N, C-alpha and C. Protein backbone atom coordinates (compact mmCIF):
# COMPACT_ATOMS: atom_id res chain seq x y z
N UNK A 1 149.14 -30.34 -74.90
CA UNK A 1 148.12 -31.30 -75.28
C UNK A 1 147.13 -30.63 -76.22
N UNK A 2 146.77 -31.33 -77.28
CA UNK A 2 145.83 -30.80 -78.25
C UNK A 2 144.40 -31.06 -77.82
N UNK A 3 143.61 -30.01 -77.84
CA UNK A 3 142.20 -30.13 -77.53
C UNK A 3 141.44 -30.34 -78.84
N UNK A 4 140.27 -30.96 -78.79
CA UNK A 4 139.50 -31.15 -80.02
C UNK A 4 139.05 -29.81 -80.58
N UNK A 5 138.94 -29.75 -81.89
CA UNK A 5 138.46 -28.55 -82.55
C UNK A 5 137.00 -28.32 -82.20
N UNK A 6 136.63 -27.06 -82.05
CA UNK A 6 135.27 -26.70 -81.68
C UNK A 6 134.46 -26.31 -82.92
N UNK A 7 133.16 -26.50 -82.85
CA UNK A 7 132.26 -26.16 -83.95
C UNK A 7 131.80 -24.72 -83.85
N UNK A 8 131.13 -24.25 -84.90
CA UNK A 8 130.59 -22.89 -84.86
C UNK A 8 129.56 -22.75 -83.74
N UNK A 9 128.76 -23.79 -83.52
CA UNK A 9 127.78 -23.74 -82.44
C UNK A 9 128.46 -23.62 -81.08
N UNK A 10 129.52 -24.38 -80.86
CA UNK A 10 130.25 -24.32 -79.59
C UNK A 10 130.90 -22.97 -79.39
N UNK A 11 131.47 -22.41 -80.45
CA UNK A 11 132.12 -21.09 -80.34
C UNK A 11 131.07 -20.01 -80.09
N UNK A 12 129.92 -20.12 -80.76
CA UNK A 12 128.85 -19.15 -80.53
C UNK A 12 128.41 -19.18 -79.07
N UNK A 13 128.27 -20.36 -78.52
CA UNK A 13 127.89 -20.49 -77.10
C UNK A 13 128.99 -19.93 -76.20
N UNK A 14 130.24 -20.23 -76.52
CA UNK A 14 131.38 -19.75 -75.73
C UNK A 14 131.44 -18.23 -75.71
N UNK A 15 131.17 -17.60 -76.87
CA UNK A 15 131.23 -16.14 -76.98
C UNK A 15 129.88 -15.48 -76.66
N UNK A 16 128.86 -16.29 -76.43
CA UNK A 16 127.52 -15.79 -76.12
C UNK A 16 126.97 -14.91 -77.24
N UNK A 17 127.11 -15.41 -78.47
CA UNK A 17 126.57 -14.74 -79.65
C UNK A 17 125.85 -15.79 -80.49
N UNK A 18 125.21 -15.35 -81.57
CA UNK A 18 124.53 -16.30 -82.45
C UNK A 18 125.53 -16.91 -83.43
N UNK A 19 125.13 -18.03 -83.99
CA UNK A 19 125.98 -18.65 -85.03
C UNK A 19 126.11 -17.72 -86.23
N UNK A 20 125.07 -16.95 -86.52
CA UNK A 20 125.12 -15.99 -87.63
C UNK A 20 126.25 -14.97 -87.40
N UNK A 21 126.40 -14.52 -86.16
CA UNK A 21 127.49 -13.59 -85.84
C UNK A 21 128.84 -14.24 -86.11
N UNK A 22 128.98 -15.51 -85.76
CA UNK A 22 130.23 -16.22 -86.02
C UNK A 22 130.52 -16.25 -87.52
N UNK A 23 129.50 -16.59 -88.33
CA UNK A 23 129.69 -16.62 -89.78
C UNK A 23 130.01 -15.24 -90.34
N UNK A 24 129.40 -14.20 -89.79
CA UNK A 24 129.71 -12.84 -90.23
C UNK A 24 131.16 -12.49 -89.93
N UNK A 25 131.63 -12.82 -88.74
CA UNK A 25 133.03 -12.57 -88.38
C UNK A 25 133.98 -13.35 -89.28
N UNK A 26 133.63 -14.58 -89.59
CA UNK A 26 134.46 -15.39 -90.48
C UNK A 26 134.49 -14.80 -91.88
N UNK A 27 133.34 -14.35 -92.37
CA UNK A 27 133.27 -13.78 -93.71
C UNK A 27 134.15 -12.53 -93.83
N UNK A 28 134.23 -11.76 -92.75
CA UNK A 28 135.07 -10.55 -92.74
C UNK A 28 136.52 -10.86 -92.41
N UNK A 29 136.83 -12.11 -92.14
CA UNK A 29 138.21 -12.49 -91.83
C UNK A 29 138.65 -12.05 -90.45
N UNK A 30 137.73 -11.85 -89.54
CA UNK A 30 138.04 -11.32 -88.22
C UNK A 30 138.21 -12.40 -87.15
N UNK A 31 137.76 -13.61 -87.42
CA UNK A 31 137.79 -14.67 -86.42
C UNK A 31 138.70 -15.79 -86.90
N UNK A 32 139.61 -16.26 -86.04
CA UNK A 32 140.52 -17.33 -86.46
C UNK A 32 139.81 -18.69 -86.48
N UNK A 33 139.80 -19.31 -87.62
CA UNK A 33 139.18 -20.63 -87.75
C UNK A 33 139.73 -21.32 -88.99
N UNK A 34 139.34 -22.55 -89.17
CA UNK A 34 139.78 -23.29 -90.35
C UNK A 34 138.64 -24.21 -90.80
N UNK A 35 138.66 -24.53 -92.08
CA UNK A 35 137.60 -25.37 -92.63
C UNK A 35 138.05 -26.82 -92.69
N UNK A 36 137.11 -27.69 -92.36
CA UNK A 36 137.26 -29.13 -92.55
C UNK A 36 136.11 -29.51 -93.47
N UNK A 37 136.42 -29.72 -94.73
CA UNK A 37 135.36 -29.90 -95.73
C UNK A 37 134.60 -28.60 -95.87
N UNK A 38 133.32 -28.63 -95.58
CA UNK A 38 132.50 -27.41 -95.68
C UNK A 38 132.23 -26.79 -94.31
N UNK A 39 132.71 -27.43 -93.26
CA UNK A 39 132.43 -26.97 -91.89
C UNK A 39 133.61 -26.21 -91.30
N UNK A 40 133.30 -25.17 -90.55
CA UNK A 40 134.32 -24.41 -89.84
C UNK A 40 134.63 -25.06 -88.50
N UNK A 41 135.90 -24.98 -88.10
CA UNK A 41 136.35 -25.48 -86.81
C UNK A 41 137.28 -24.44 -86.19
N UNK A 42 137.42 -24.51 -84.87
CA UNK A 42 138.17 -23.50 -84.13
C UNK A 42 138.97 -24.15 -83.03
N UNK A 43 140.12 -23.56 -82.74
CA UNK A 43 140.91 -23.98 -81.57
C UNK A 43 140.63 -22.98 -80.46
N UNK A 44 140.31 -23.49 -79.30
CA UNK A 44 139.97 -22.62 -78.16
C UNK A 44 141.11 -21.65 -77.85
N UNK A 45 142.35 -22.13 -77.92
CA UNK A 45 143.49 -21.26 -77.66
C UNK A 45 143.52 -20.07 -78.63
N UNK A 46 143.20 -20.31 -79.91
CA UNK A 46 143.16 -19.23 -80.89
C UNK A 46 142.06 -18.23 -80.57
N UNK A 47 140.91 -18.74 -80.14
CA UNK A 47 139.78 -17.86 -79.81
C UNK A 47 140.11 -17.04 -78.57
N UNK A 48 140.73 -17.66 -77.57
CA UNK A 48 141.11 -16.92 -76.36
C UNK A 48 142.12 -15.82 -76.68
N UNK A 49 143.06 -16.10 -77.58
CA UNK A 49 144.04 -15.09 -77.99
C UNK A 49 143.33 -13.97 -78.75
N UNK A 50 142.38 -14.32 -79.60
CA UNK A 50 141.62 -13.34 -80.36
C UNK A 50 140.86 -12.41 -79.41
N UNK A 51 140.26 -12.98 -78.38
CA UNK A 51 139.56 -12.17 -77.37
C UNK A 51 140.53 -11.21 -76.70
N UNK A 52 141.66 -11.73 -76.26
CA UNK A 52 142.67 -10.91 -75.57
C UNK A 52 143.15 -9.78 -76.48
N UNK A 53 143.46 -10.10 -77.74
CA UNK A 53 143.94 -9.09 -78.68
C UNK A 53 142.88 -8.02 -78.93
N UNK A 54 141.62 -8.42 -79.06
CA UNK A 54 140.54 -7.46 -79.30
C UNK A 54 140.31 -6.57 -78.09
N UNK A 55 140.49 -7.10 -76.89
CA UNK A 55 140.36 -6.29 -75.69
C UNK A 55 141.46 -5.24 -75.64
N UNK A 56 142.66 -5.61 -76.05
CA UNK A 56 143.77 -4.65 -76.08
C UNK A 56 143.47 -3.53 -77.06
N UNK A 57 142.97 -3.89 -78.26
CA UNK A 57 142.63 -2.88 -79.26
C UNK A 57 141.54 -1.95 -78.74
N UNK A 58 140.55 -2.51 -78.10
CA UNK A 58 139.43 -1.71 -77.58
C UNK A 58 139.91 -0.76 -76.49
N UNK A 59 140.82 -1.25 -75.62
CA UNK A 59 141.36 -0.41 -74.54
C UNK A 59 142.18 0.74 -75.12
N UNK A 60 142.93 0.49 -76.20
CA UNK A 60 143.73 1.55 -76.81
C UNK A 60 142.82 2.62 -77.41
N UNK A 61 141.72 2.20 -78.02
CA UNK A 61 140.79 3.16 -78.62
C UNK A 61 140.08 4.00 -77.56
N UNK A 62 139.87 3.44 -76.39
CA UNK A 62 139.15 4.13 -75.31
C UNK A 62 139.98 5.24 -74.68
N UNK A 63 141.26 5.21 -74.89
CA UNK A 63 142.14 6.22 -74.27
C UNK A 63 142.04 7.54 -74.93
């Protein structure tokens, strides 16, 4: 089932960061998202995968 796309504000709240941080991550190409007109949108599944992948990378670096 497809969930509605989330806004930058919703993703910022979900990740507990500022919207500016979201835009910085997008500018660096680090956060999965897509544009609808001039606005960014996100799929929660993509964000959850991004979190999981980043945790794996962080754990590898900690070793």
